[in-house]
Amino acid sequence: MKLLGHYVPLPIALLATAEFAVAAAALFLLGLLFPSLRGGAGLDHLWLWAVIFGVTVSIGLTAVGLYQAKQRLRFEGVLARVVVSLGIAAICVALTDLFFLSFDIPGLLCALSCAVCAVLLGVTRGILWRWVDHRAFQRRVVVYGAGERAASLLRLRRRSDQRGFNIVAFVPALGDKTTIQDPRVRPLVCPLSEFSAENEVDEIVIAMDDRREGFPIGDLLKCKLSGVAVVDLLTFLERETGKVKVDLMNPAWLIFSDGFQVAQRSRVATRVLDIAAAVVLLVAACWAMVIVAVLIVITDGRPVLYCQRRVGLMGRPFTLYKFRSMVKNAESDGTARWAQLGDARVTKVGAILRKLRLDELPQIFNVLRGHMSLVGPRPERPEFVERLSQVIPYYHERHVVKPGITGWAQLSYPYGSSDQDAMEKLQYDLYYIKHKSLIFDLMVLLQTAEVVLWGKGAR
């Protein structure tokens, strides 16, 4: 399903709705069964408290990454994240009370609700998560084409990327250059509309290698009018994987596809959010920045900051600020290179800074100066951009928005240090640019908490 311009898997949406209801019900029932916990407040206040608590728990669960389709955790990992999410919810409730004193949610009621909610969320997730892969939630799909483009569906390795659909058949088309080897390849012996009706097909994915040869426009129109969705392969993969497949793209798709447009009012709203959030972050993190600066000076001397040229909006270079996490003259040979896993150039303090993402804090000043946004593609060095743009198609298109401190690619893909990694991240960056909105930015910011708390992808 599409929610506020962003694709959300139906099972994830149902899980989020159920867990919101469980959290709200936990507080409401505790207040209803034990009136002393609500301090004499009426049911109207109790309903309001329950909704606020449900929303804050949902925010916490989102922040720790429990609504990501690609999340693969053991029970202990889920439990740890549930506990942290309830801590985030308690902080949100406290802040709500601080700024909106009329709500006045009793602390004991909130604490007991968190304890009960931890148990109920564990039970709810244990029951519902078993149904995420159930066929009842999967669309029955026919792929019209069984050649090179259709083969891209067989190359989906992640279980999460295949969670939303079940391929009924690959139907060979006249435009196919080759035919894939798969038991689901079934040549048509009747019109496509009849085949779809007989097999209860929900969606037809057009994956012909060459549409100029025998494109069944009449049959596809009949299918669509009968209630069967018809979608292009690239759009289908974009929806299922959360990225735009660069190897399947062409300029026409880029021009005529929805998205890739940022309205002026959206730019203004994003800038307002950037400034407001950057000021709040600066005030909240100023003490941490002072401590980090002192530690760097004590352990490795000056300079504290590392300034580096990066490529920003529309390809314009700017100076990016970071706390220095590597030894001095880390590139004394003049060769630009990515950080590697266990990089010997990283200092002991720098390793901690990178793990906690504290080395990125000075980029708040880049945001305030307008060079960067809170959310966007990570800025690369000019040397890398020049080389990558020659080997990766559409690489320059990532510069049509401001680079960010965090981004959709950082949430979806681990740290990369190769051309192939750059290619993968570009596909997530293009998805972000295509669907960019204020709501999407807020969602990315919220889920960045998981990256910081669990140190995902740090090097």
Protein backbone atom coordinates (compact mmCIF):
# COMPACT_ATOMS: atom_id res chain seq x y z
CA MET A 1 0.00 0.00 0.00
CA LYS A 2 1.09 3.60 -0.57
CA LEU A 3 0.99 5.88 2.46
CA LEU A 4 1.78 9.59 2.08
CA GLY A 5 3.73 8.90 -1.13
CA HIS A 6 5.83 6.09 0.36
CA TYR A 7 5.33 2.37 -0.18
CA VAL A 8 4.48 0.53 3.06
CA PRO A 9 4.06 -3.27 3.02
CA LEU A 10 0.52 -4.23 4.06
CA PRO A 11 1.68 -6.66 6.81
CA ILE A 12 3.87 -3.92 8.35
CA ALA A 13 0.93 -1.48 8.29
CA LEU A 14 -1.32 -4.05 9.97
CA LEU A 15 1.34 -4.85 12.57
CA ALA A 16 1.83 -1.16 13.37
CA THR A 17 -1.94 -0.64 13.70
CA ALA A 18 -2.29 -3.66 16.00
CA GLU A 19 0.59 -2.58 18.24
CA PHE A 20 -0.76 0.96 18.50
CA ALA A 21 -4.11 -0.50 19.58
CA VAL A 22 -2.41 -2.80 22.12
CA ALA A 23 -0.42 0.07 23.65
CA ALA A 24 -3.44 2.37 23.88
CA ALA A 25 -5.60 -0.42 25.32
CA ALA A 26 -2.97 -1.24 27.97
CA LEU A 27 -3.08 2.26 29.45
CA PHE A 28 -6.83 2.65 29.07
CA LEU A 29 -7.66 -0.66 30.78
CA LEU A 30 -5.23 -0.02 33.63
CA GLY A 31 -6.82 3.37 34.23
CA LEU A 32 -10.30 1.88 33.95
CA LEU A 33 -9.66 -1.06 36.30
CA PHE A 34 -7.66 0.96 38.85
CA PRO A 35 -9.22 4.46 39.13
CA SER A 36 -6.66 5.51 41.74
CA LEU A 37 -3.96 5.44 39.04
CA ARG A 38 -5.67 8.25 37.13
CA GLY A 39 -6.04 10.48 40.18
CA GLY A 40 -9.73 11.12 39.78
CA ALA A 41 -9.52 12.13 36.10
CA GLY A 42 -12.55 11.31 33.96
CA LEU A 43 -12.85 8.88 31.06
CA ASP A 44 -12.40 11.68 28.53
CA HIS A 45 -8.91 12.30 29.91
CA LEU A 46 -8.23 8.57 29.99
CA TRP A 47 -9.10 8.20 26.29
CA LEU A 48 -6.77 11.09 25.45
CA TRP A 49 -3.94 9.62 27.53
CA ALA A 50 -4.41 6.24 25.85
CA VAL A 51 -4.12 7.76 22.37
CA ILE A 52 -1.04 9.79 23.34
CA PHE A 53 0.58 6.71 24.86
CA GLY A 54 -0.23 4.61 21.79
CA VAL A 55 1.29 7.24 19.49
CA THR A 56 4.47 7.56 21.58
CA VAL A 57 4.93 3.77 21.68
CA SER A 58 4.51 3.68 17.89
CA ILE A 59 7.14 6.40 17.58
CA GLY A 60 9.48 4.40 19.80
CA LEU A 61 8.95 1.17 17.85
CA THR A 62 9.59 3.01 14.59
CA ALA A 63 12.73 4.67 15.96
CA VAL A 64 14.33 1.32 16.88
CA GLY A 65 13.62 -0.15 13.46
CA LEU A 66 10.88 -2.64 14.32
CA TYR A 67 8.74 -1.57 11.36
CA GLN A 68 11.42 -2.11 8.73
CA ALA A 69 10.52 -4.87 6.28
CA LYS A 70 14.20 -5.81 5.99
CA GLN A 71 14.63 -6.26 9.74
CA ARG A 72 15.97 -9.71 10.62
CA LEU A 73 16.29 -10.15 14.38
CA ARG A 74 16.24 -12.96 16.89
CA PHE A 75 13.83 -12.87 19.81
CA GLU A 76 16.45 -11.29 22.10
CA GLY A 77 17.10 -8.51 19.59
CA VAL A 78 13.39 -7.76 19.26
CA LEU A 79 12.96 -7.77 23.05
CA ALA A 80 15.87 -5.35 23.52
CA ARG A 81 14.41 -2.99 20.95
CA VAL A 82 10.93 -3.18 22.53
CA VAL A 83 12.42 -2.19 25.90
CA VAL A 84 14.32 0.72 24.33
CA SER A 85 11.21 1.79 22.40
CA LEU A 86 9.21 1.93 25.65
CA GLY A 87 11.95 4.09 27.16
CA ILE A 88 11.63 6.43 24.17
CA ALA A 89 7.84 6.41 24.66
CA ALA A 90 8.25 7.38 28.34
CA ILE A 91 10.52 10.28 27.32
CA CYS A 92 7.96 11.40 24.70
CA VAL A 93 5.18 11.29 27.31
CA ALA A 94 7.33 13.35 29.70
CA LEU A 95 8.01 15.92 26.96
CA THR A 96 4.30 16.02 26.13
CA ASP A 97 3.56 16.77 29.76
CA LEU A 98 6.29 19.43 29.80
CA PHE A 99 5.05 21.34 26.78
CA PHE A 100 1.31 20.59 27.16
CA LEU A 101 0.68 20.72 30.89
CA SER A 102 -3.08 20.22 30.49
CA PHE A 103 -2.50 16.54 29.57
CA ASP A 104 -0.85 15.78 32.96
CA ILE A 105 -0.48 12.01 32.46
CA PRO A 106 0.18 10.34 35.86
CA GLY A 107 3.71 8.95 36.05
CA LEU A 108 2.71 5.74 37.85
CA LEU A 109 0.03 4.98 35.26
CA CYS A 110 2.57 5.53 32.46
CA ALA A 111 5.20 3.32 34.16
CA LEU A 112 2.78 0.45 34.77
CA SER A 113 1.46 0.77 31.21
CA CYS A 114 5.02 0.42 29.88
CA ALA A 115 5.53 -2.75 31.94
CA VAL A 116 2.24 -4.30 30.77
CA CYS A 117 2.84 -3.10 27.23
CA ALA A 118 6.23 -4.86 27.08
CA VAL A 119 4.54 -8.21 27.67
CA LEU A 120 1.60 -7.53 25.36
CA LEU A 121 3.82 -6.28 22.53
CA GLY A 122 5.95 -9.40 22.79
CA VAL A 123 2.87 -11.61 22.54
CA THR A 124 1.30 -9.54 19.75
CA ARG A 125 4.47 -9.47 17.65
CA GLY A 126 5.04 -13.18 18.23
CA ILE A 127 1.56 -13.98 16.92
CA LEU A 128 1.25 -11.48 14.07
CA TRP A 129 4.81 -11.73 12.73
CA ARG A 130 4.20 -15.37 11.90
CA TRP A 131 1.59 -14.17 9.41
CA VAL A 132 3.78 -11.66 7.62
CA ASP A 133 4.83 -14.28 5.08
CA HIS A 134 1.37 -15.84 4.85
CA ARG A 135 -0.06 -16.16 1.35
CA ALA A 136 -3.15 -14.23 2.45
CA PHE A 137 -0.99 -11.08 2.42
CA GLN A 138 0.74 -11.83 -0.87
CA ARG A 139 -0.43 -10.63 -4.27
CA ARG A 140 -0.67 -13.31 -6.96
CA VAL A 141 1.52 -12.03 -9.78
CA VAL A 142 1.95 -13.00 -13.43
CA VAL A 143 5.13 -11.76 -15.08
CA TYR A 144 4.56 -11.01 -18.77
CA GLY A 145 8.00 -11.79 -20.09
CA ALA A 146 10.48 -14.59 -19.44
CA GLY A 147 13.72 -13.09 -20.73
CA GLU A 148 16.58 -10.98 -19.39
CA ARG A 149 14.41 -8.36 -17.68
CA ALA A 150 12.19 -10.98 -16.05
CA ALA A 151 15.32 -12.70 -14.73
CA SER A 152 15.87 -9.72 -12.39
CA LEU A 153 12.98 -11.05 -10.29
CA LEU A 154 14.85 -14.32 -9.80
CA ARG A 155 17.88 -12.36 -8.56
CA LEU A 156 16.00 -10.98 -5.55
CA ARG A 157 17.92 -12.63 -2.72
CA ARG A 158 16.44 -10.90 0.28
CA ARG A 159 13.47 -12.67 1.75
CA SER A 160 11.97 -9.30 2.66
CA ASP A 161 12.03 -8.20 -1.00
CA GLN A 162 9.89 -11.24 -1.94
CA ARG A 163 7.52 -11.00 1.01
CA GLY A 164 4.70 -9.12 -0.70
CA PHE A 165 4.05 -11.26 -3.76
CA ASN A 166 3.83 -14.79 -5.12
CA ILE A 167 4.77 -15.34 -8.78
CA VAL A 168 2.15 -17.60 -10.37
CA ALA A 169 3.80 -17.75 -13.80
CA PHE A 170 6.32 -16.24 -16.20
CA VAL A 171 4.64 -15.84 -19.59
CA PRO A 172 7.10 -15.76 -22.54
CA ALA A 173 6.64 -12.73 -24.81
CA LEU A 174 7.64 -12.06 -28.42
CA GLY A 175 10.14 -9.41 -27.33
CA ASP A 176 12.16 -11.75 -25.11
CA LYS A 177 15.74 -12.33 -26.23
CA THR A 178 16.16 -15.49 -24.15
CA THR A 179 13.97 -17.63 -21.90
CA ILE A 180 14.75 -18.12 -18.22
CA GLN A 181 14.98 -21.60 -16.78
CA ASP A 182 12.22 -21.75 -14.19
CA PRO A 183 9.38 -24.25 -13.64
CA ARG A 184 6.89 -21.36 -13.54
CA VAL A 185 7.45 -20.49 -17.22
CA ARG A 186 4.09 -21.17 -18.87
CA PRO A 187 3.36 -20.26 -22.50
CA LEU A 188 -0.14 -18.86 -23.02
CA VAL A 189 -2.73 -21.14 -24.61
CA CYS A 190 -5.58 -18.67 -24.05
CA PRO A 191 -5.96 -14.87 -23.82
CA LEU A 192 -4.09 -13.26 -20.93
CA SER A 193 -7.37 -12.00 -19.45
CA GLU A 194 -8.74 -15.55 -19.25
CA PHE A 195 -5.47 -16.86 -17.81
CA SER A 196 -5.58 -14.16 -15.12
CA ALA A 197 -9.18 -14.96 -14.19
CA GLU A 198 -8.53 -18.73 -14.01
CA ASN A 199 -5.48 -18.28 -11.76
CA GLU A 200 -6.97 -15.50 -9.57
CA VAL A 201 -4.19 -13.10 -10.56
CA ASP A 202 -3.99 -9.78 -8.70
CA GLU A 203 -1.26 -8.10 -10.73
CA ILE A 204 0.52 -8.38 -14.08
CA VAL A 205 4.15 -7.21 -14.26
CA ILE A 206 5.33 -6.17 -17.72
CA ALA A 207 8.89 -7.47 -18.12
CA MET A 208 9.31 -7.81 -21.91
CA ASP A 209 12.82 -7.33 -23.25
CA ASP A 210 11.47 -5.44 -26.27
CA ARG A 211 7.99 -3.89 -26.17
CA ARG A 212 8.02 -3.10 -29.86
CA GLU A 213 7.31 -6.74 -30.68
CA GLY A 214 3.79 -7.95 -30.02
CA PHE A 215 2.85 -5.76 -27.06
CA PRO A 216 -0.64 -7.07 -26.03
CA ILE A 217 -2.19 -3.70 -25.38
CA GLY A 218 -5.79 -4.84 -25.95
CA ASP A 219 -5.50 -7.85 -23.64
CA LEU A 220 -3.75 -5.81 -20.93
CA LEU A 221 -6.44 -3.15 -21.11
CA LYS A 222 -9.10 -5.83 -20.68
CA CYS A 223 -7.22 -7.18 -17.64
CA LYS A 224 -6.98 -3.74 -16.08
CA LEU A 225 -10.65 -2.99 -16.61
CA SER A 226 -11.52 -6.31 -14.95
CA GLY A 227 -9.67 -5.29 -11.78
CA VAL A 228 -6.19 -6.78 -12.37
CA ALA A 229 -3.39 -4.27 -11.74
CA VAL A 230 -0.88 -3.80 -14.57
CA VAL A 231 2.53 -2.42 -13.62
CA ASP A 232 5.91 -1.91 -15.24
CA LEU A 233 8.78 -4.10 -13.97
CA LEU A 234 10.86 -1.15 -12.76
CA THR A 235 7.96 0.32 -10.78
CA PHE A 236 7.18 -3.11 -9.33
CA LEU A 237 10.77 -3.63 -8.14
CA GLU A 238 10.87 -0.09 -6.76
CA ARG A 239 7.81 -0.82 -4.64
CA GLU A 240 9.04 -4.19 -3.39
CA THR A 241 12.69 -3.33 -2.69
CA GLY A 242 12.61 0.35 -1.71
CA LYS A 243 15.14 1.28 -4.39
CA VAL A 244 15.24 2.20 -8.08
CA LYS A 245 17.01 -0.40 -10.23
CA VAL A 246 19.54 1.61 -12.20
CA ASP A 247 20.35 -1.25 -14.59
CA LEU A 248 16.71 -1.31 -15.76
CA MET A 249 16.21 2.45 -16.01
CA ASN A 250 16.00 4.55 -19.12
CA PRO A 251 15.65 8.34 -19.53
CA ALA A 252 12.01 8.05 -20.65
CA TRP A 253 11.03 6.31 -17.39
CA LEU A 254 12.85 8.99 -15.43
CA ILE A 255 11.01 11.76 -17.28
CA PHE A 256 7.49 10.32 -17.21
CA SER A 257 7.58 8.57 -13.82
CA ASP A 258 5.83 10.09 -10.82
CA GLY A 259 8.10 11.91 -8.41
CA PHE A 260 11.56 13.43 -8.97
CA GLN A 261 9.94 16.83 -8.40
CA VAL A 262 10.34 18.96 -5.31
CA ALA A 263 7.82 21.81 -5.07
CA GLN A 264 8.98 25.19 -3.79
CA ARG A 265 6.75 24.92 -0.71
CA SER A 266 8.35 21.56 0.06
CA ARG A 267 11.81 23.13 -0.17
CA VAL A 268 10.76 25.86 2.24
CA ALA A 269 9.22 23.35 4.67
CA THR A 270 12.37 21.21 4.53
CA ARG A 271 14.57 24.24 5.19
CA VAL A 272 12.44 25.26 8.17
CA LEU A 273 12.65 21.71 9.55
CA ASP A 274 16.43 21.67 8.99
CA ILE A 275 17.01 24.94 10.85
CA ALA A 276 14.67 24.10 13.72
CA ALA A 277 16.04 20.60 14.21
CA ALA A 278 19.66 21.73 13.82
CA VAL A 279 19.22 24.37 16.53
CA VAL A 280 17.61 21.82 18.87
CA LEU A 281 20.39 19.30 18.14
CA LEU A 282 23.07 21.93 18.70
CA VAL A 283 21.63 22.90 22.08
CA ALA A 284 21.16 19.26 23.11
CA ALA A 285 24.57 18.08 21.90
CA CYS A 286 26.78 21.05 22.76
CA TRP A 287 28.04 19.37 25.95
CA ALA A 288 28.86 16.18 24.02
CA MET A 289 30.71 18.20 21.38
CA VAL A 290 32.85 19.88 24.06
CA ILE A 291 33.70 16.50 25.64
CA VAL A 292 34.57 15.00 22.25
CA ALA A 293 36.81 17.96 21.39
CA VAL A 294 38.66 17.65 24.71
CA LEU A 295 39.16 13.88 24.26
CA ILE A 296 40.60 14.36 20.78
CA VAL A 297 43.06 17.01 22.00
CA ILE A 298 44.14 14.89 25.01
CA THR A 299 44.63 11.64 23.06
CA ASP A 300 45.90 12.85 19.69
CA GLY A 301 46.35 16.60 19.82
CA ARG A 302 45.02 19.14 17.38
CA PRO A 303 43.27 19.71 15.02
CA VAL A 304 39.90 18.74 16.49
CA LEU A 305 37.93 19.18 13.29
CA TYR A 306 38.54 17.54 9.95
CA CYS A 307 37.53 19.67 6.98
CA GLN A 308 37.04 18.02 3.63
CA ARG A 309 35.70 19.04 0.24
CA ARG A 310 32.48 17.26 -0.73
CA VAL A 311 30.05 17.57 -3.64
CA GLY A 312 26.71 19.16 -2.75
CA LEU A 313 23.55 20.44 -4.40
CA MET A 314 23.75 20.52 -8.23
CA GLY A 315 27.36 19.36 -8.08
CA ARG A 316 28.65 22.43 -6.24
CA PRO A 317 31.53 21.68 -3.84
CA PHE A 318 31.45 22.70 -0.18
CA THR A 319 33.52 22.13 2.94
CA LEU A 320 32.19 19.41 5.24
CA TYR A 321 33.03 19.45 8.95
CA LYS A 322 33.64 16.35 11.07
CA PHE A 323 35.38 15.58 14.32
CA ARG A 324 38.75 14.10 13.41
CA SER A 325 38.59 10.34 13.91
CA MET A 326 41.75 9.34 12.04
CA VAL A 327 45.43 9.98 12.61
CA LYS A 328 46.92 13.19 11.29
CA ASN A 329 47.85 13.11 7.61
CA ALA A 330 45.82 9.93 7.09
CA GLU A 331 46.17 10.45 3.32
CA SER A 332 49.74 11.71 3.25
CA ASP A 333 50.28 9.97 -0.10
CA GLY A 334 47.58 12.19 -1.66
CA THR A 335 45.35 9.27 -2.65
CA ALA A 336 41.66 9.51 -1.71
CA ARG A 337 40.23 6.25 -0.40
CA TRP A 338 37.24 5.02 1.54
CA ALA A 339 37.49 3.90 5.15
CA GLN A 340 37.74 0.13 5.45
CA LEU A 341 36.55 -2.25 8.14
CA GLY A 342 39.12 -2.14 10.94
CA ASP A 343 40.95 0.75 9.21
CA ALA A 344 44.37 1.22 10.87
CA ARG A 345 44.15 4.99 10.35
CA VAL A 346 41.27 5.30 12.85
CA THR A 347 42.34 6.35 16.35
CA LYS A 348 41.01 4.67 19.50
CA VAL A 349 38.81 7.65 20.31
CA GLY A 350 37.87 7.89 16.64
CA ALA A 351 36.60 4.31 16.61
CA ILE A 352 34.18 5.18 19.44
CA LEU A 353 33.12 8.38 17.71
CA ARG A 354 32.40 6.51 14.48
CA LYS A 355 30.51 3.78 16.32
CA LEU A 356 28.23 6.33 18.01
CA ARG A 357 28.17 8.65 14.96
CA LEU A 358 29.46 11.49 17.17
CA ASP A 359 32.04 12.41 14.54
CA GLU A 360 29.15 13.69 12.39
CA LEU A 361 27.93 16.28 14.94
CA PRO A 362 29.84 19.28 13.42
CA GLN A 363 27.77 18.80 10.27
CA ILE A 364 25.01 20.59 12.16
CA PHE A 365 26.87 23.76 11.13
CA ASN A 366 26.78 22.61 7.50
CA VAL A 367 22.99 22.32 7.85
CA LEU A 368 22.70 25.79 9.40
CA ARG A 369 24.81 27.26 6.60
CA GLY A 370 22.55 25.65 4.00
CA HIS A 371 25.14 23.35 2.45
CA MET A 372 23.42 20.23 3.75
CA SER A 373 20.05 19.00 4.92
CA LEU A 374 19.28 16.67 7.80
CA VAL A 375 18.10 14.01 5.33
CA GLY A 376 19.50 13.32 1.89
CA PRO A 377 22.15 11.35 0.01
CA ARG A 378 25.49 11.32 1.81
CA PRO A 379 27.93 13.75 0.14
CA GLU A 380 30.92 12.17 -1.59
CA ARG A 381 34.36 13.55 -2.30
CA PRO A 382 34.95 15.14 -5.74
CA GLU A 383 37.55 12.47 -6.60
CA PHE A 384 35.03 9.68 -6.01
CA VAL A 385 32.20 11.51 -7.79
CA GLU A 386 34.31 12.07 -10.90
CA ARG A 387 35.19 8.38 -11.13
CA LEU A 388 31.83 6.93 -10.11
CA SER A 389 29.91 9.11 -12.55
CA GLN A 390 31.92 7.49 -15.36
CA VAL A 391 31.10 3.89 -14.37
CA ILE A 392 27.64 4.21 -12.79
CA PRO A 393 24.72 5.55 -14.89
CA TYR A 394 22.61 8.36 -13.44
CA TYR A 395 25.13 8.99 -10.66
CA HIS A 396 24.95 12.78 -11.07
CA GLU A 397 21.17 12.67 -10.50
CA ARG A 398 21.75 12.17 -6.77
CA HIS A 399 22.93 15.79 -6.60
CA VAL A 400 19.53 17.30 -7.48
CA VAL A 401 18.79 17.53 -3.74
CA LYS A 402 20.99 18.67 -0.87
CA PRO A 403 23.18 16.00 0.72
CA GLY A 404 22.19 14.93 4.22
CA ILE A 405 23.62 13.91 7.57
CA THR A 406 21.49 10.79 7.33
CA GLY A 407 19.48 9.26 4.52
CA TRP A 408 17.34 6.44 3.17
CA ALA A 409 20.44 4.66 1.82
CA GLN A 410 22.08 4.75 5.26
CA LEU A 411 19.01 3.06 6.77
CA SER A 412 18.69 0.48 4.01
CA TYR A 413 22.28 -0.47 3.20
CA PRO A 414 25.42 -0.87 5.35
CA TYR A 415 28.54 1.23 4.97
CA GLY A 416 30.00 0.80 1.49
CA SER A 417 33.61 1.05 0.31
CA SER A 418 33.47 -0.15 -3.30
CA ASP A 419 31.97 0.78 -6.65
CA GLN A 420 29.32 -1.93 -6.22
CA ASP A 421 28.36 -0.49 -2.83
CA ALA A 422 28.14 2.97 -4.40
CA MET A 423 25.82 1.52 -7.07
CA GLU A 424 23.56 -0.03 -4.42
CA LYS A 425 23.42 3.18 -2.40
CA LEU A 426 22.64 5.21 -5.52
CA GLN A 427 19.55 3.05 -6.09
CA TYR A 428 18.29 3.86 -2.60
CA ASP A 429 19.19 7.54 -3.06
CA LEU A 430 17.17 7.71 -6.28
CA TYR A 431 14.20 6.12 -4.48
CA TYR A 432 14.49 8.82 -1.81
CA ILE A 433 14.69 11.61 -4.38
CA LYS A 434 11.69 10.19 -6.25
CA HIS A 435 9.54 10.04 -3.12
CA LYS A 436 11.02 12.98 -1.21
CA SER A 437 8.55 14.64 1.14
CA LEU A 438 8.51 16.15 4.60
CA ILE A 439 6.84 13.01 6.00
CA PHE A 440 9.48 10.78 4.42
CA ASP A 441 12.22 12.96 5.93
CA LEU A 442 10.64 12.70 9.38
CA MET A 443 10.41 8.91 9.04
CA VAL A 444 14.09 8.67 8.07
CA LEU A 445 15.10 10.91 10.97
CA LEU A 446 13.09 8.79 13.39
CA GLN A 447 14.57 5.51 12.17
CA THR A 448 18.09 6.94 12.33
CA ALA A 449 17.85 6.40 16.09
CA GLU A 450 18.33 2.67 15.48
CA VAL A 451 21.52 3.31 13.50
CA VAL A 452 22.93 5.40 16.36
CA LEU A 453 21.77 3.17 19.23
CA TRP A 454 22.96 -0.09 17.63
CA GLY A 455 25.93 1.31 15.72
CA LYS A 456 24.82 -0.18 12.40
CA GLY A 457 27.26 0.17 9.52
CA ALA A 458 29.94 2.09 11.43
CA ARG A 459 33.57 1.87 10.31
